[in-house]
Amino acid sequence: MASSGIDEPDEAFAAEQTLIEAALVGDGLAFRRLVEPHLPMLHRIATRVSHSPHLAEDAVQEALTLTFRRLGSYRHDVPFKAFLAAVAARQAHTLARSERRRSKREQVAEGPATPDNPEAEMRGATAARRVRQALWAMPKKRREAALLRLDGGLSYREIGNALDSSEGSARVLVHTALNQLRELLADLLNDESGQEDSTGASS
């Protein structure tokens, strides 16, 4: 008789726990098998926060190292995906903040740089920079909830578990974060809409 598939989540959870137990005693291969399915998600989160492929790569590597070291503190009632995503989001934010401070110090020392095409560079960078600034303007828990939902693809229950909160609280955090993003980026969205209308009218 063919399996109905009802037990597949339990089987996946059991397999995950087996890998975690092996990783806890130093099995590096087990840890790699544990984290590999989640690497694309981790890179999406880290890139969103840092807006830098290089920083994102560093953040993911550091997050994996931290996760391996802290695996003993992992609570098994929290989905491992959520646990890992939360570590990556925090690490990416830490690296991005440090890089931003370093860049400001260099700009003060060297003076403002003039790009070859200021207008083109501004158009290419404004949206991403504004989104990043809007995320940084949020309280930490709200920002992490938004990242875990938008880039991590986590369910509200998984987000709640990752943030030591309830599913309902996770819903509120994500909803509030999205509303705040719309408010903080309203002028940018209006400008883009106006440019599209102008382009359409002149065609």
C-alpha atoms as a PDB file:
ATOM      1  CA  MET A   1       0.000   0.000   0.000  1.00  0.00           C
ATOM      2  CA  ALA A   2       1.345   3.444  -0.898  1.00  0.00           C
ATOM      3  CA  SER A   3       2.075   5.875   1.902  1.00  0.00           C
ATOM      4  CA  SER A   4      -0.463   8.665   2.364  1.00  0.00           C
ATOM      5  CA  GLY A   5       2.295  11.125   3.152  1.00  0.00           C
ATOM      6  CA  ILE A   6       0.682  12.091   6.464  1.00  0.00           C
ATOM      7  CA  ASP A   7       3.778  11.035   8.389  1.00  0.00           C
ATOM      8  CA  GLU A   8       6.233  12.856   6.142  1.00  0.00           C
ATOM      9  CA  PRO A   9       6.548  15.957   8.389  1.00  0.00           C
ATOM     10  CA  ASP A  10       7.225  13.711  11.393  1.00  0.00           C
ATOM     11  CA  GLU A  11       9.798  11.759   9.394  1.00  0.00           C
ATOM     12  CA  ALA A  12      11.492  14.966   8.285  1.00  0.00           C
ATOM     13  CA  PHE A  13      11.551  16.220  11.867  1.00  0.00           C
ATOM     14  CA  ALA A  14      13.021  12.944  13.078  1.00  0.00           C
ATOM     15  CA  ALA A  15      15.705  13.055  10.384  1.00  0.00           C
ATOM     16  CA  GLU A  16      16.521  16.637  11.330  1.00  0.00           C
ATOM     17  CA  GLN A  17      16.839  15.716  15.009  1.00  0.00           C
ATOM     18  CA  THR A  18      19.159  12.859  14.107  1.00  0.00           C
ATOM     19  CA  LEU A  19      21.418  15.263  12.217  1.00  0.00           C
ATOM     20  CA  ILE A  20      21.345  17.730  15.103  1.00  0.00           C
ATOM     21  CA  GLU A  21      22.332  15.041  17.590  1.00  0.00           C
ATOM     22  CA  ALA A  22      25.206  13.966  15.338  1.00  0.00           C
ATOM     23  CA  ALA A  23      26.336  17.579  14.887  1.00  0.00           C
ATOM     24  CA  LEU A  24      26.287  18.091  18.659  1.00  0.00           C
ATOM     25  CA  VAL A  25      29.011  15.475  19.047  1.00  0.00           C
ATOM     26  CA  GLY A  26      31.142  17.103  16.371  1.00  0.00           C
ATOM     27  CA  ASP A  27      29.948  15.517  13.127  1.00  0.00           C
ATOM     28  CA  GLY A  28      30.677  18.255  10.589  1.00  0.00           C
ATOM     29  CA  LEU A  29      29.107  16.338   7.702  1.00  0.00           C
ATOM     30  CA  ALA A  30      25.848  16.023   9.626  1.00  0.00           C
ATOM     31  CA  PHE A  31      25.834  19.770  10.266  1.00  0.00           C
ATOM     32  CA  ARG A  32      26.441  20.490   6.586  1.00  0.00           C
ATOM     33  CA  ARG A  33      23.539  18.243   5.600  1.00  0.00           C
ATOM     34  CA  LEU A  34      21.440  20.003   8.227  1.00  0.00           C
ATOM     35  CA  VAL A  35      22.030  23.534   6.954  1.00  0.00           C
ATOM     36  CA  GLU A  36      22.439  23.055   3.188  1.00  0.00           C
ATOM     37  CA  PRO A  37      18.686  23.111   2.381  1.00  0.00           C
ATOM     38  CA  HIS A  38      18.405  26.519   4.071  1.00  0.00           C
ATOM     39  CA  LEU A  39      21.373  28.287   2.450  1.00  0.00           C
ATOM     40  CA  PRO A  40      19.368  30.092  -0.295  1.00  0.00           C
ATOM     41  CA  MET A  41      17.022  31.488   2.348  1.00  0.00           C
ATOM     42  CA  LEU A  42      19.947  32.639   4.500  1.00  0.00           C
ATOM     43  CA  HIS A  43      21.547  34.450   1.557  1.00  0.00           C
ATOM     44  CA  ARG A  44      18.251  36.212   0.737  1.00  0.00           C
ATOM     45  CA  ILE A  45      17.943  37.473   4.307  1.00  0.00           C
ATOM     46  CA  ALA A  46      21.587  38.533   4.573  1.00  0.00           C
ATOM     47  CA  THR A  47      21.490  40.314   1.212  1.00  0.00           C
ATOM     48  CA  ARG A  48      18.320  42.177   2.117  1.00  0.00           C
ATOM     49  CA  VAL A  49      19.865  43.441   5.345  1.00  0.00           C
ATOM     50  CA  SER A  50      23.359  44.265   4.071  1.00  0.00           C
ATOM     51  CA  HIS A  51      22.656  45.095   0.397  1.00  0.00           C
ATOM     52  CA  SER A  52      26.077  43.624  -0.335  1.00  0.00           C
ATOM     53  CA  PRO A  53      26.806  40.166  -1.748  1.00  0.00           C
ATOM     54  CA  HIS A  54      30.192  40.156  -0.027  1.00  0.00           C
ATOM     55  CA  LEU A  55      28.785  41.112   3.362  1.00  0.00           C
ATOM     56  CA  ALA A  56      25.931  38.661   2.879  1.00  0.00           C
ATOM     57  CA  GLU A  57      28.381  35.830   2.244  1.00  0.00           C
ATOM     58  CA  ASP A  58      30.357  36.763   5.356  1.00  0.00           C
ATOM     59  CA  ALA A  59      27.173  37.037   7.407  1.00  0.00           C
ATOM     60  CA  VAL A  60      25.972  33.602   6.340  1.00  0.00           C
ATOM     61  CA  GLN A  61      29.337  32.007   7.115  1.00  0.00           C
ATOM     62  CA  GLU A  62      29.470  33.648  10.527  1.00  0.00           C
ATOM     63  CA  ALA A  63      25.855  32.682  11.207  1.00  0.00           C
ATOM     64  CA  LEU A  64      26.647  29.050  10.418  1.00  0.00           C
ATOM     65  CA  THR A  65      29.675  29.153  12.718  1.00  0.00           C
ATOM     66  CA  LEU A  66      27.627  30.690  15.516  1.00  0.00           C
ATOM     67  CA  THR A  67      24.834  28.187  14.987  1.00  0.00           C
ATOM     68  CA  PHE A  68      27.262  25.283  15.224  1.00  0.00           C
ATOM     69  CA  ARG A  69      28.715  26.673  18.442  1.00  0.00           C
ATOM     70  CA  ARG A  70      25.289  27.370  19.942  1.00  0.00           C
ATOM     71  CA  LEU A  71      23.628  24.185  18.784  1.00  0.00           C
ATOM     72  CA  GLY A  72      23.501  22.941  22.358  1.00  0.00           C
ATOM     73  CA  SER A  73      21.161  25.805  23.268  1.00  0.00           C
ATOM     74  CA  TYR A  74      18.759  25.061  20.402  1.00  0.00           C
ATOM     75  CA  ARG A  75      15.228  24.394  21.690  1.00  0.00           C
ATOM     76  CA  HIS A  76      13.683  21.502  19.821  1.00  0.00           C
ATOM     77  CA  ASP A  77      10.206  23.047  19.977  1.00  0.00           C
ATOM     78  CA  VAL A  78      11.460  25.774  17.608  1.00  0.00           C
ATOM     79  CA  PRO A  79      11.807  24.783  13.929  1.00  0.00           C
ATOM     80  CA  PHE A  80      15.505  24.636  13.093  1.00  0.00           C
ATOM     81  CA  LYS A  81      14.850  26.709   9.965  1.00  0.00           C
ATOM     82  CA  ALA A  82      13.483  29.519  12.120  1.00  0.00           C
ATOM     83  CA  PHE A  83      16.358  29.250  14.605  1.00  0.00           C
ATOM     84  CA  LEU A  84      18.915  29.456  11.792  1.00  0.00           C
ATOM     85  CA  ALA A  85      17.160  32.319  10.007  1.00  0.00           C
ATOM     86  CA  ALA A  86      17.041  34.423  13.169  1.00  0.00           C
ATOM     87  CA  VAL A  87      20.783  33.969  13.722  1.00  0.00           C
ATOM     88  CA  ALA A  88      21.512  34.967  10.111  1.00  0.00           C
ATOM     89  CA  ALA A  89      19.322  38.075  10.283  1.00  0.00           C
ATOM     90  CA  ARG A  90      21.040  39.296  13.429  1.00  0.00           C
ATOM     91  CA  GLN A  91      24.514  38.574  12.147  1.00  0.00           C
ATOM     92  CA  ALA A  92      23.862  40.325   8.835  1.00  0.00           C
ATOM     93  CA  HIS A  93      22.576  43.377  10.686  1.00  0.00           C
ATOM     94  CA  THR A  94      25.676  43.448  12.899  1.00  0.00           C
ATOM     95  CA  LEU A  95      28.049  43.270   9.920  1.00  0.00           C
ATOM     96  CA  ALA A  96      26.084  45.833   7.930  1.00  0.00           C
ATOM     97  CA  ARG A  97      26.099  48.276  10.837  1.00  0.00           C
ATOM     98  CA  SER A  98      29.861  47.864  11.275  1.00  0.00           C
ATOM     99  CA  GLU A  99      30.440  48.362   7.547  1.00  0.00           C
ATOM    100  CA  ARG A 100      28.276  51.481   7.540  1.00  0.00           C
ATOM    101  CA  ARG A 101      30.317  52.984  10.377  1.00  0.00           C
ATOM    102  CA  ARG A 102      33.598  52.100   8.646  1.00  0.00           C
ATOM    103  CA  SER A 103      32.401  53.644   5.400  1.00  0.00           C
ATOM    104  CA  LYS A 104      31.413  56.867   7.148  1.00  0.00           C
ATOM    105  CA  ARG A 105      34.843  57.125   8.756  1.00  0.00           C
ATOM    106  CA  GLU A 106      36.520  56.678   5.366  1.00  0.00           C
ATOM    107  CA  GLN A 107      34.290  59.282   3.736  1.00  0.00           C
ATOM    108  CA  VAL A 108      35.173  61.812   6.424  1.00  0.00           C
ATOM    109  CA  ALA A 109      38.882  61.094   5.961  1.00  0.00           C
ATOM    110  CA  GLU A 110      38.914  61.058   2.163  1.00  0.00           C
ATOM    111  CA  GLY A 111      36.175  63.531   1.341  1.00  0.00           C
ATOM    112  CA  PRO A 112      33.038  62.866  -0.730  1.00  0.00           C
ATOM    113  CA  ALA A 113      33.499  60.727  -3.807  1.00  0.00           C
ATOM    114  CA  THR A 114      32.014  61.809  -7.118  1.00  0.00           C
ATOM    115  CA  PRO A 115      30.678  58.944  -9.228  1.00  0.00           C
ATOM    116  CA  ASP A 116      31.145  58.949 -13.011  1.00  0.00           C
ATOM    117  CA  ASN A 117      27.390  59.146 -13.503  1.00  0.00           C
ATOM    118  CA  PRO A 118      25.748  60.538 -10.344  1.00  0.00           C
ATOM    119  CA  GLU A 119      22.230  60.473 -11.749  1.00  0.00           C
ATOM    120  CA  ALA A 120      22.411  56.851 -12.858  1.00  0.00           C
ATOM    121  CA  GLU A 121      23.985  55.753  -9.592  1.00  0.00           C
ATOM    122  CA  MET A 122      21.309  57.539  -7.608  1.00  0.00           C
ATOM    123  CA  ARG A 123      18.532  55.853  -9.550  1.00  0.00           C
ATOM    124  CA  GLY A 124      20.141  52.444  -9.100  1.00  0.00           C
ATOM    125  CA  ALA A 125      20.836  52.750  -5.366  1.00  0.00           C
ATOM    126  CA  THR A 126      18.009  54.826  -3.918  1.00  0.00           C
ATOM    127  CA  ALA A 127      15.317  52.165  -3.629  1.00  0.00           C
ATOM    128  CA  ALA A 128      17.533  49.529  -2.025  1.00  0.00           C
ATOM    129  CA  ARG A 129      19.063  52.059   0.359  1.00  0.00           C
ATOM    130  CA  ARG A 130      15.681  53.375   1.425  1.00  0.00           C
ATOM    131  CA  VAL A 131      14.336  49.888   2.080  1.00  0.00           C
ATOM    132  CA  ARG A 132      17.402  49.086   4.163  1.00  0.00           C
ATOM    133  CA  GLN A 133      17.095  52.350   6.102  1.00  0.00           C
ATOM    134  CA  ALA A 134      13.410  51.707   6.698  1.00  0.00           C
ATOM    135  CA  LEU A 135      14.173  48.272   8.108  1.00  0.00           C
ATOM    136  CA  TRP A 136      16.881  49.666  10.376  1.00  0.00           C
ATOM    137  CA  ALA A 137      14.448  52.293  11.654  1.00  0.00           C
ATOM    138  CA  MET A 138      12.183  49.566  13.027  1.00  0.00           C
ATOM    139  CA  PRO A 139      12.423  48.039  16.491  1.00  0.00           C
ATOM    140  CA  LYS A 140      14.622  44.940  16.372  1.00  0.00           C
ATOM    141  CA  LYS A 141      11.853  42.383  16.855  1.00  0.00           C
ATOM    142  CA  ARG A 142       9.620  43.963  14.224  1.00  0.00           C
ATOM    143  CA  ARG A 143      12.485  44.110  11.717  1.00  0.00           C
ATOM    144  CA  GLU A 144      13.382  40.463  12.290  1.00  0.00           C
ATOM    145  CA  ALA A 145       9.753  39.417  11.889  1.00  0.00           C
ATOM    146  CA  ALA A 146       9.583  41.213   8.540  1.00  0.00           C
ATOM    147  CA  LEU A 147      12.815  39.630   7.304  1.00  0.00           C
ATOM    148  CA  LEU A 148      11.798  36.150   8.396  1.00  0.00           C
ATOM    149  CA  ARG A 149       8.481  36.528   6.600  1.00  0.00           C
ATOM    150  CA  LEU A 150       9.550  38.324   3.414  1.00  0.00           C
ATOM    151  CA  ASP A 151      12.934  36.742   2.764  1.00  0.00           C
ATOM    152  CA  GLY A 152      12.838  33.642   4.932  1.00  0.00           C
ATOM    153  CA  GLY A 153       9.361  32.572   3.864  1.00  0.00           C
ATOM    154  CA  LEU A 154       8.602  31.408   7.408  1.00  0.00           C
ATOM    155  CA  SER A 155       5.085  30.850   8.641  1.00  0.00           C
ATOM    156  CA  TYR A 156       3.738  33.052  11.420  1.00  0.00           C
ATOM    157  CA  ARG A 157       4.053  30.140  13.803  1.00  0.00           C
ATOM    158  CA  GLU A 158       7.716  29.655  12.879  1.00  0.00           C
ATOM    159  CA  ILE A 159       8.378  33.366  13.241  1.00  0.00           C
ATOM    160  CA  GLY A 160       6.730  33.393  16.651  1.00  0.00           C
ATOM    161  CA  ASN A 161       8.858  30.458  17.768  1.00  0.00           C
ATOM    162  CA  ALA A 162      12.037  32.040  16.463  1.00  0.00           C
ATOM    163  CA  LEU A 163      11.318  35.302  18.291  1.00  0.00           C
ATOM    164  CA  ASP A 164      10.072  33.667  21.512  1.00  0.00           C
ATOM    165  CA  SER A 165       6.591  34.975  20.812  1.00  0.00           C
ATOM    166  CA  SER A 166       3.179  33.676  19.823  1.00  0.00           C
ATOM    167  CA  GLU A 167       1.807  33.122  16.336  1.00  0.00           C
ATOM    168  CA  GLY A 168      -0.645  35.964  16.873  1.00  0.00           C
ATOM    169  CA  SER A 169       2.101  38.329  17.963  1.00  0.00           C
ATOM    170  CA  ALA A 170       4.120  37.360  14.890  1.00  0.00           C
ATOM    171  CA  ARG A 171       1.172  38.278  12.662  1.00  0.00           C
ATOM    172  CA  VAL A 172       0.906  41.669  14.352  1.00  0.00           C
ATOM    173  CA  LEU A 173       4.645  42.292  14.055  1.00  0.00           C
ATOM    174  CA  VAL A 174       4.701  41.476  10.338  1.00  0.00           C
ATOM    175  CA  HIS A 175       1.545  43.481   9.624  1.00  0.00           C
ATOM    176  CA  THR A 176       2.929  46.485  11.515  1.00  0.00           C
ATOM    177  CA  ALA A 177       6.287  46.177   9.758  1.00  0.00           C
ATOM    178  CA  LEU A 178       4.687  46.145   6.298  1.00  0.00           C
ATOM    179  CA  ASN A 179       2.556  49.161   7.139  1.00  0.00           C
ATOM    180  CA  GLN A 180       5.616  50.998   8.436  1.00  0.00           C
ATOM    181  CA  LEU A 181       7.544  50.177   5.258  1.00  0.00           C
ATOM    182  CA  ARG A 182       4.728  51.609   3.158  1.00  0.00           C
ATOM    183  CA  GLU A 183       4.657  54.774   5.264  1.00  0.00           C
ATOM    184  CA  LEU A 184       8.427  55.293   5.329  1.00  0.00           C
ATOM    185  CA  LEU A 185       8.747  54.658   1.583  1.00  0.00           C
ATOM    186  CA  ALA A 186       5.611  56.547   0.537  1.00  0.00           C
ATOM    187  CA  ASP A 187       7.535  59.404  -1.090  1.00  0.00           C
ATOM    188  CA  LEU A 188       9.747  57.001  -3.005  1.00  0.00           C
ATOM    189  CA  LEU A 189       6.765  54.987  -4.212  1.00  0.00           C
ATOM    190  CA  ASN A 190       4.975  58.163  -5.278  1.00  0.00           C
ATOM    191  CA  ASP A 191       8.032  59.379  -7.173  1.00  0.00           C
ATOM    192  CA  GLU A 192       8.354  56.078  -9.024  1.00  0.00           C
ATOM    193  CA  SER A 193       4.653  56.129  -9.854  1.00  0.00           C
ATOM    194  CA  GLY A 194       4.970  59.653 -11.168  1.00  0.00           C
ATOM    195  CA  GLN A 195       7.935  58.705 -13.342  1.00  0.00           C
ATOM    196  CA  GLU A 196       6.023  55.766 -14.820  1.00  0.00           C
ATOM    197  CA  ASP A 197       3.042  58.008 -15.617  1.00  0.00           C
ATOM    198  CA  SER A 198       5.335  60.555 -17.239  1.00  0.00           C
ATOM    199  CA  THR A 199       7.065  57.883 -19.302  1.00  0.00           C
ATOM    200  CA  GLY A 200       3.757  56.457 -20.406  1.00  0.00           C
ATOM    201  CA  ALA A 201       2.418  59.868 -21.374  1.00  0.00           C
ATOM    202  CA  SER A 202       5.442  60.701 -23.498  1.00  0.00           C
ATOM    203  CA  SER A 203       5.438  57.421 -25.406  1.00  0.00           C
END
